[in-house]
């Protein structure tokens, strides 16, 4: 299974719509098998959604994301876990251990119910599964 995170200076990028780099991690049997960093050129929302699908990404963990782009990505069968903030390696570990919904990983400025709207889209659970 592949998980993608937009990254900037060792942290989850604050807005996916404008991110310049994407870290794609492949997990096999619960362990990291491979990772690659992809440079994102100026791309429209539909192109970003198509690229994630083409890469075989199943989960996108990101900071803020526009609702239209989130819906496009969800519509292509990719789970979006939005409003996440923190150092990349900490976020990956929190995802692997099911702790991504903890308060320390919430993007500053978002209210407690912000993620609720995305639950209707793809079942936000705060971690794998």
N, C-alpha and C. Protein backbone atom coordinates (compact mmCIF):
# COMPACT_ATOMS: atom_id res chain seq x y z
N UNK A 1 0.84 -1.17 0.00
CA UNK A 1 0.00 0.00 0.00
C UNK A 1 0.89 1.24 0.00
N UNK A 2 0.50 2.23 -0.77
CA UNK A 2 1.29 3.46 -0.84
C UNK A 2 0.56 4.61 -0.13
N UNK A 3 1.35 5.36 0.63
CA UNK A 3 0.88 6.53 1.37
C UNK A 3 1.70 7.72 0.88
N UNK A 4 1.03 8.86 0.64
CA UNK A 4 1.73 10.05 0.17
C UNK A 4 1.55 11.19 1.17
N UNK A 5 2.60 12.00 1.30
CA UNK A 5 2.56 13.19 2.14
C UNK A 5 3.26 14.32 1.39
N UNK A 6 2.62 15.49 1.29
CA UNK A 6 3.34 16.64 0.74
C UNK A 6 4.33 17.11 1.81
N UNK A 7 5.57 17.39 1.42
CA UNK A 7 6.58 17.74 2.41
C UNK A 7 7.27 19.07 2.08
N UNK A 8 7.71 19.73 3.15
CA UNK A 8 8.47 20.97 3.02
C UNK A 8 9.35 21.10 4.25
N UNK A 9 10.65 21.14 4.05
CA UNK A 9 11.64 21.27 5.11
C UNK A 9 11.43 20.28 6.26
N UNK A 10 11.22 19.01 5.90
CA UNK A 10 11.10 17.95 6.89
C UNK A 10 9.77 17.89 7.62
N UNK A 11 8.79 18.62 7.15
CA UNK A 11 7.47 18.64 7.78
C UNK A 11 6.39 18.39 6.73
N UNK A 12 5.19 18.05 7.19
CA UNK A 12 4.06 17.96 6.27
C UNK A 12 3.76 19.37 5.79
N UNK A 13 3.71 19.54 4.49
CA UNK A 13 3.44 20.85 3.89
C UNK A 13 2.07 21.35 4.34
N UNK A 14 1.95 22.64 4.59
CA UNK A 14 0.73 23.17 5.19
C UNK A 14 -0.48 23.17 4.24
N UNK A 15 -0.28 23.23 2.90
CA UNK A 15 -1.40 23.22 1.97
C UNK A 15 -1.05 22.31 0.79
N UNK A 16 -1.79 21.24 0.61
CA UNK A 16 -1.49 20.30 -0.46
C UNK A 16 -1.62 20.93 -1.85
N UNK A 17 -2.60 21.79 -2.03
CA UNK A 17 -2.86 22.39 -3.34
C UNK A 17 -1.64 23.10 -3.93
N UNK A 18 -0.74 23.58 -3.08
CA UNK A 18 0.42 24.35 -3.54
C UNK A 18 1.76 23.71 -3.18
N UNK A 19 1.75 22.47 -2.73
CA UNK A 19 2.98 21.79 -2.32
C UNK A 19 3.90 21.57 -3.52
N UNK A 20 5.21 21.58 -3.26
CA UNK A 20 6.19 21.40 -4.32
C UNK A 20 6.84 20.02 -4.31
N UNK A 21 6.73 19.30 -3.18
CA UNK A 21 7.33 17.96 -3.10
C UNK A 21 6.34 17.00 -2.45
N UNK A 22 6.43 15.76 -2.90
CA UNK A 22 5.55 14.72 -2.39
C UNK A 22 6.42 13.52 -2.00
N UNK A 23 6.24 13.04 -0.79
CA UNK A 23 6.92 11.84 -0.33
C UNK A 23 5.94 10.68 -0.46
N UNK A 24 6.32 9.65 -1.20
CA UNK A 24 5.48 8.48 -1.39
C UNK A 24 6.18 7.30 -0.72
N UNK A 25 5.48 6.67 0.22
CA UNK A 25 6.03 5.55 0.97
C UNK A 25 5.21 4.31 0.67
N UNK A 26 5.91 3.25 0.33
CA UNK A 26 5.23 1.98 0.07
C UNK A 26 5.41 1.08 1.28
N UNK A 27 4.27 0.58 1.79
CA UNK A 27 4.29 -0.35 2.92
C UNK A 27 3.92 -1.74 2.42
N UNK A 28 4.60 -2.72 2.97
CA UNK A 28 4.30 -4.12 2.66
C UNK A 28 4.33 -4.88 3.96
N UNK A 29 3.25 -5.57 4.25
CA UNK A 29 3.12 -6.33 5.49
C UNK A 29 3.41 -5.48 6.72
N UNK A 30 2.91 -4.25 6.71
CA UNK A 30 3.05 -3.36 7.85
C UNK A 30 4.41 -2.70 8.02
N UNK A 31 5.32 -2.91 7.08
CA UNK A 31 6.66 -2.33 7.18
C UNK A 31 6.95 -1.51 5.94
N UNK A 32 7.77 -0.49 6.14
CA UNK A 32 8.15 0.35 5.02
C UNK A 32 9.05 -0.44 4.07
N UNK A 33 8.66 -0.47 2.81
CA UNK A 33 9.42 -1.20 1.80
C UNK A 33 10.26 -0.25 0.96
N UNK A 34 9.69 0.92 0.62
CA UNK A 34 10.36 1.84 -0.29
C UNK A 34 9.80 3.24 -0.05
N UNK A 35 10.61 4.23 -0.41
CA UNK A 35 10.12 5.61 -0.38
C UNK A 35 10.78 6.38 -1.51
N UNK A 36 10.03 7.33 -2.04
CA UNK A 36 10.57 8.19 -3.08
C UNK A 36 10.00 9.59 -2.91
N UNK A 37 10.81 10.56 -3.25
CA UNK A 37 10.37 11.95 -3.19
C UNK A 37 10.15 12.42 -4.63
N UNK A 38 9.01 13.02 -4.86
CA UNK A 38 8.63 13.46 -6.20
C UNK A 38 8.46 14.97 -6.18
N UNK A 39 9.08 15.63 -7.14
CA UNK A 39 8.94 17.08 -7.28
C UNK A 39 7.64 17.34 -8.04
N UNK A 40 6.80 18.18 -7.47
CA UNK A 40 5.54 18.53 -8.11
C UNK A 40 5.74 19.83 -8.87
N UNK A 41 5.54 19.78 -10.14
CA UNK A 41 5.60 21.00 -10.95
C UNK A 41 4.25 21.69 -10.84
N UNK A 42 4.15 22.87 -11.41
CA UNK A 42 2.87 23.58 -11.40
C UNK A 42 1.81 22.66 -12.00
N UNK A 43 0.90 22.22 -11.17
CA UNK A 43 -0.14 21.30 -11.62
C UNK A 43 -1.50 21.77 -11.14
N UNK A 44 -2.50 21.55 -11.96
CA UNK A 44 -3.86 21.85 -11.56
C UNK A 44 -4.33 20.76 -10.60
N UNK A 45 -5.45 21.01 -9.94
CA UNK A 45 -6.02 20.02 -9.03
C UNK A 45 -6.29 18.69 -9.71
N UNK A 46 -6.94 18.70 -10.89
CA UNK A 46 -7.19 17.42 -11.55
C UNK A 46 -5.91 16.67 -11.89
N UNK A 47 -4.85 17.39 -12.26
CA UNK A 47 -3.58 16.74 -12.57
C UNK A 47 -2.95 16.13 -11.32
N UNK A 48 -3.08 16.81 -10.19
CA UNK A 48 -2.54 16.26 -8.93
C UNK A 48 -3.30 14.99 -8.54
N UNK A 49 -4.61 15.03 -8.68
CA UNK A 49 -5.42 13.86 -8.35
C UNK A 49 -5.06 12.68 -9.27
N UNK A 50 -4.91 12.96 -10.55
CA UNK A 50 -4.55 11.91 -11.52
C UNK A 50 -3.16 11.35 -11.24
N UNK A 51 -2.22 12.22 -10.85
CA UNK A 51 -0.87 11.76 -10.56
C UNK A 51 -0.86 10.82 -9.36
N UNK A 52 -1.62 11.15 -8.30
CA UNK A 52 -1.70 10.28 -7.13
C UNK A 52 -2.24 8.90 -7.53
N UNK A 53 -3.28 8.91 -8.36
CA UNK A 53 -3.87 7.66 -8.83
C UNK A 53 -2.86 6.86 -9.65
N UNK A 54 -2.15 7.54 -10.54
CA UNK A 54 -1.16 6.89 -11.40
C UNK A 54 -0.02 6.28 -10.57
N UNK A 55 0.36 6.94 -9.49
CA UNK A 55 1.41 6.43 -8.61
C UNK A 55 0.96 5.25 -7.75
N UNK A 56 -0.35 4.99 -7.72
CA UNK A 56 -0.87 3.89 -6.92
C UNK A 56 -1.06 4.24 -5.46
N UNK A 57 -1.17 5.53 -5.16
CA UNK A 57 -1.35 5.99 -3.78
C UNK A 57 -2.75 5.59 -3.29
N UNK A 58 -2.81 5.07 -2.07
CA UNK A 58 -4.09 4.69 -1.46
C UNK A 58 -4.53 5.68 -0.40
N UNK A 59 -3.54 6.38 0.23
CA UNK A 59 -3.84 7.33 1.32
C UNK A 59 -2.99 8.58 1.11
N UNK A 60 -3.63 9.74 1.22
CA UNK A 60 -2.93 11.03 1.20
C UNK A 60 -3.08 11.65 2.58
N UNK A 61 -1.95 11.87 3.24
CA UNK A 61 -1.93 12.57 4.53
C UNK A 61 -1.44 13.98 4.22
N UNK A 62 -2.22 15.00 4.60
CA UNK A 62 -1.84 16.35 4.22
C UNK A 62 -2.31 17.37 5.25
N UNK A 63 -1.82 18.59 5.06
CA UNK A 63 -2.29 19.71 5.86
C UNK A 63 -3.63 20.16 5.29
N UNK A 64 -3.76 21.44 5.06
CA UNK A 64 -5.00 21.95 4.46
C UNK A 64 -5.09 21.48 3.02
N UNK A 65 -6.32 21.37 2.53
CA UNK A 65 -6.58 20.98 1.15
C UNK A 65 -7.93 21.57 0.78
N UNK A 66 -8.04 22.08 -0.43
CA UNK A 66 -9.33 22.64 -0.84
C UNK A 66 -10.35 21.51 -0.95
N UNK A 67 -11.58 21.86 -0.64
CA UNK A 67 -12.64 20.84 -0.70
C UNK A 67 -12.77 20.24 -2.10
N UNK A 68 -12.75 21.06 -3.19
CA UNK A 68 -12.87 20.44 -4.52
C UNK A 68 -11.75 19.43 -4.82
N UNK A 69 -10.52 19.75 -4.43
CA UNK A 69 -9.42 18.83 -4.68
C UNK A 69 -9.57 17.58 -3.81
N UNK A 70 -9.96 17.75 -2.56
CA UNK A 70 -10.17 16.59 -1.68
C UNK A 70 -11.24 15.68 -2.26
N UNK A 71 -12.30 16.25 -2.78
CA UNK A 71 -13.38 15.45 -3.36
C UNK A 71 -12.92 14.73 -4.63
N UNK A 72 -12.09 15.41 -5.44
CA UNK A 72 -11.53 14.77 -6.64
C UNK A 72 -10.69 13.55 -6.26
N UNK A 73 -9.84 13.74 -5.26
CA UNK A 73 -8.94 12.67 -4.82
C UNK A 73 -9.75 11.53 -4.22
N UNK A 74 -10.71 11.87 -3.36
CA UNK A 74 -11.58 10.84 -2.79
C UNK A 74 -12.33 10.10 -3.88
N UNK A 75 -12.79 10.84 -4.89
CA UNK A 75 -13.54 10.24 -5.99
C UNK A 75 -12.72 9.25 -6.80
N UNK A 76 -11.41 9.37 -6.73
CA UNK A 76 -10.56 8.41 -7.44
C UNK A 76 -10.15 7.23 -6.55
N UNK A 77 -10.78 7.13 -5.39
CA UNK A 77 -10.54 5.98 -4.51
C UNK A 77 -9.40 6.13 -3.54
N UNK A 78 -8.91 7.35 -3.36
CA UNK A 78 -7.80 7.60 -2.44
C UNK A 78 -8.36 8.24 -1.17
N UNK A 79 -8.00 7.70 -0.03
CA UNK A 79 -8.44 8.25 1.25
C UNK A 79 -7.61 9.49 1.57
N UNK A 80 -8.29 10.58 1.91
CA UNK A 80 -7.61 11.82 2.29
C UNK A 80 -7.70 11.99 3.80
N UNK A 81 -6.54 12.15 4.44
CA UNK A 81 -6.47 12.43 5.87
C UNK A 81 -5.95 13.85 6.01
N UNK A 82 -6.86 14.84 6.11
CA UNK A 82 -6.47 16.25 6.06
C UNK A 82 -6.18 16.88 7.42
N UNK A 83 -5.69 18.11 7.37
CA UNK A 83 -5.45 18.96 8.53
C UNK A 83 -4.44 18.37 9.50
N UNK A 84 -3.40 17.76 8.94
CA UNK A 84 -2.34 17.13 9.71
C UNK A 84 -1.12 18.05 9.67
N UNK A 85 -0.42 18.15 10.79
CA UNK A 85 0.76 18.99 10.89
C UNK A 85 1.81 18.29 11.74
N UNK A 86 3.08 18.47 11.35
CA UNK A 86 4.15 17.93 12.17
C UNK A 86 5.32 17.48 11.33
N UNK A 87 6.40 17.08 12.01
CA UNK A 87 7.57 16.55 11.31
C UNK A 87 7.20 15.27 10.54
N UNK A 88 7.70 15.16 9.36
CA UNK A 88 7.35 14.05 8.47
C UNK A 88 7.49 12.69 9.14
N UNK A 89 8.64 12.41 9.74
CA UNK A 89 8.86 11.09 10.33
C UNK A 89 7.92 10.82 11.50
N UNK A 90 7.60 11.85 12.28
CA UNK A 90 6.64 11.69 13.39
C UNK A 90 5.26 11.36 12.86
N UNK A 91 4.88 12.02 11.77
CA UNK A 91 3.56 11.80 11.18
C UNK A 91 3.48 10.38 10.61
N UNK A 92 4.52 9.94 9.95
CA UNK A 92 4.54 8.57 9.41
C UNK A 92 4.39 7.56 10.54
N UNK A 93 5.14 7.77 11.63
CA UNK A 93 5.05 6.87 12.78
C UNK A 93 3.65 6.90 13.39
N UNK A 94 3.07 8.09 13.52
CA UNK A 94 1.73 8.21 14.09
C UNK A 94 0.70 7.49 13.20
N UNK A 95 0.87 7.59 11.90
CA UNK A 95 -0.03 6.88 10.97
C UNK A 95 0.11 5.36 11.15
N UNK A 96 1.35 4.89 11.19
CA UNK A 96 1.60 3.45 11.32
C UNK A 96 1.03 2.88 12.61
N UNK A 97 1.03 3.68 13.68
CA UNK A 97 0.59 3.20 14.98
C UNK A 97 -0.84 3.61 15.33
N UNK A 98 -1.55 4.23 14.37
CA UNK A 98 -2.94 4.60 14.60
C UNK A 98 -3.14 5.78 15.52
N UNK A 99 -2.13 6.64 15.66
CA UNK A 99 -2.22 7.79 16.57
C UNK A 99 -2.34 9.12 15.84
N UNK A 100 -2.63 9.10 14.57
CA UNK A 100 -2.64 10.33 13.78
C UNK A 100 -3.74 11.30 14.19
N UNK A 101 -4.79 10.83 14.85
CA UNK A 101 -5.88 11.71 15.26
C UNK A 101 -5.60 12.45 16.58
N UNK A 102 -4.45 12.21 17.18
CA UNK A 102 -4.12 12.89 18.44
C UNK A 102 -3.99 14.40 18.22
N UNK A 103 -4.34 15.20 19.22
CA UNK A 103 -4.34 16.67 19.07
C UNK A 103 -3.02 17.28 18.62
N UNK A 104 -1.89 16.70 18.99
CA UNK A 104 -0.60 17.30 18.61
C UNK A 104 -0.34 17.24 17.11
N UNK A 105 -1.14 16.48 16.37
CA UNK A 105 -0.94 16.38 14.92
C UNK A 105 -1.97 17.18 14.12
N UNK A 106 -2.78 17.97 14.79
CA UNK A 106 -3.79 18.78 14.10
C UNK A 106 -3.15 20.08 13.63
N UNK A 107 -3.41 20.43 12.39
CA UNK A 107 -2.90 21.67 11.82
C UNK A 107 -3.41 22.86 12.64
N UNK A 108 -2.53 23.73 13.12
CA UNK A 108 -2.96 24.89 13.92
C UNK A 108 -3.97 25.74 13.15
N UNK A 109 -4.95 26.24 13.88
CA UNK A 109 -5.95 27.10 13.27
C UNK A 109 -7.21 26.38 12.85
N UNK A 110 -7.22 25.06 12.93
CA UNK A 110 -8.42 24.31 12.57
C UNK A 110 -9.16 23.92 13.83
N UNK A 111 -10.46 24.06 13.78
CA UNK A 111 -11.31 23.79 14.92
C UNK A 111 -11.49 22.29 15.09
N UNK A 112 -11.91 21.85 16.30
CA UNK A 112 -12.01 20.41 16.57
C UNK A 112 -12.89 19.64 15.57
N UNK A 113 -13.91 20.26 15.02
CA UNK A 113 -14.80 19.56 14.09
C UNK A 113 -14.38 19.64 12.64
N UNK A 114 -13.24 20.25 12.34
CA UNK A 114 -12.83 20.45 10.95
C UNK A 114 -12.72 19.14 10.18
N UNK A 115 -12.21 18.13 10.82
CA UNK A 115 -12.02 16.85 10.14
C UNK A 115 -13.34 16.11 9.94
N UNK A 116 -14.34 16.44 10.73
CA UNK A 116 -15.62 15.74 10.64
C UNK A 116 -16.22 15.79 9.25
N UNK A 117 -16.09 16.92 8.56
CA UNK A 117 -16.64 17.04 7.22
C UNK A 117 -16.04 16.05 6.26
N UNK A 118 -14.79 15.65 6.48
CA UNK A 118 -14.14 14.70 5.59
C UNK A 118 -14.49 13.26 5.95
N UNK A 119 -15.00 13.04 7.14
CA UNK A 119 -15.40 11.67 7.51
C UNK A 119 -16.48 11.17 6.57
N UNK A 120 -17.35 12.06 6.17
CA UNK A 120 -18.41 11.65 5.26
C UNK A 120 -17.84 11.21 3.93
N UNK A 121 -16.68 11.80 3.56
CA UNK A 121 -16.09 11.46 2.26
C UNK A 121 -15.48 10.06 2.25
N UNK A 122 -14.62 9.76 3.21
CA UNK A 122 -13.91 8.49 3.14
C UNK A 122 -13.64 7.85 4.50
N UNK A 123 -14.34 8.24 5.53
CA UNK A 123 -14.17 7.56 6.81
C UNK A 123 -12.89 7.86 7.56
N UNK A 124 -12.61 9.12 7.85
CA UNK A 124 -11.43 9.51 8.62
C UNK A 124 -11.40 8.71 9.91
N UNK A 125 -10.30 8.05 10.18
CA UNK A 125 -10.14 7.26 11.40
C UNK A 125 -8.89 7.64 12.16
N UNK A 126 -8.10 8.52 11.60
CA UNK A 126 -6.90 8.97 12.31
C UNK A 126 -5.73 8.02 12.20
N UNK A 127 -5.78 7.08 11.32
CA UNK A 127 -4.66 6.16 11.16
C UNK A 127 -4.99 5.11 10.14
N UNK A 128 -4.21 4.07 10.15
CA UNK A 128 -4.43 3.02 9.16
C UNK A 128 -5.76 2.35 9.39
N UNK A 129 -6.34 1.91 8.28
CA UNK A 129 -7.54 1.11 8.41
C UNK A 129 -8.67 1.79 7.87
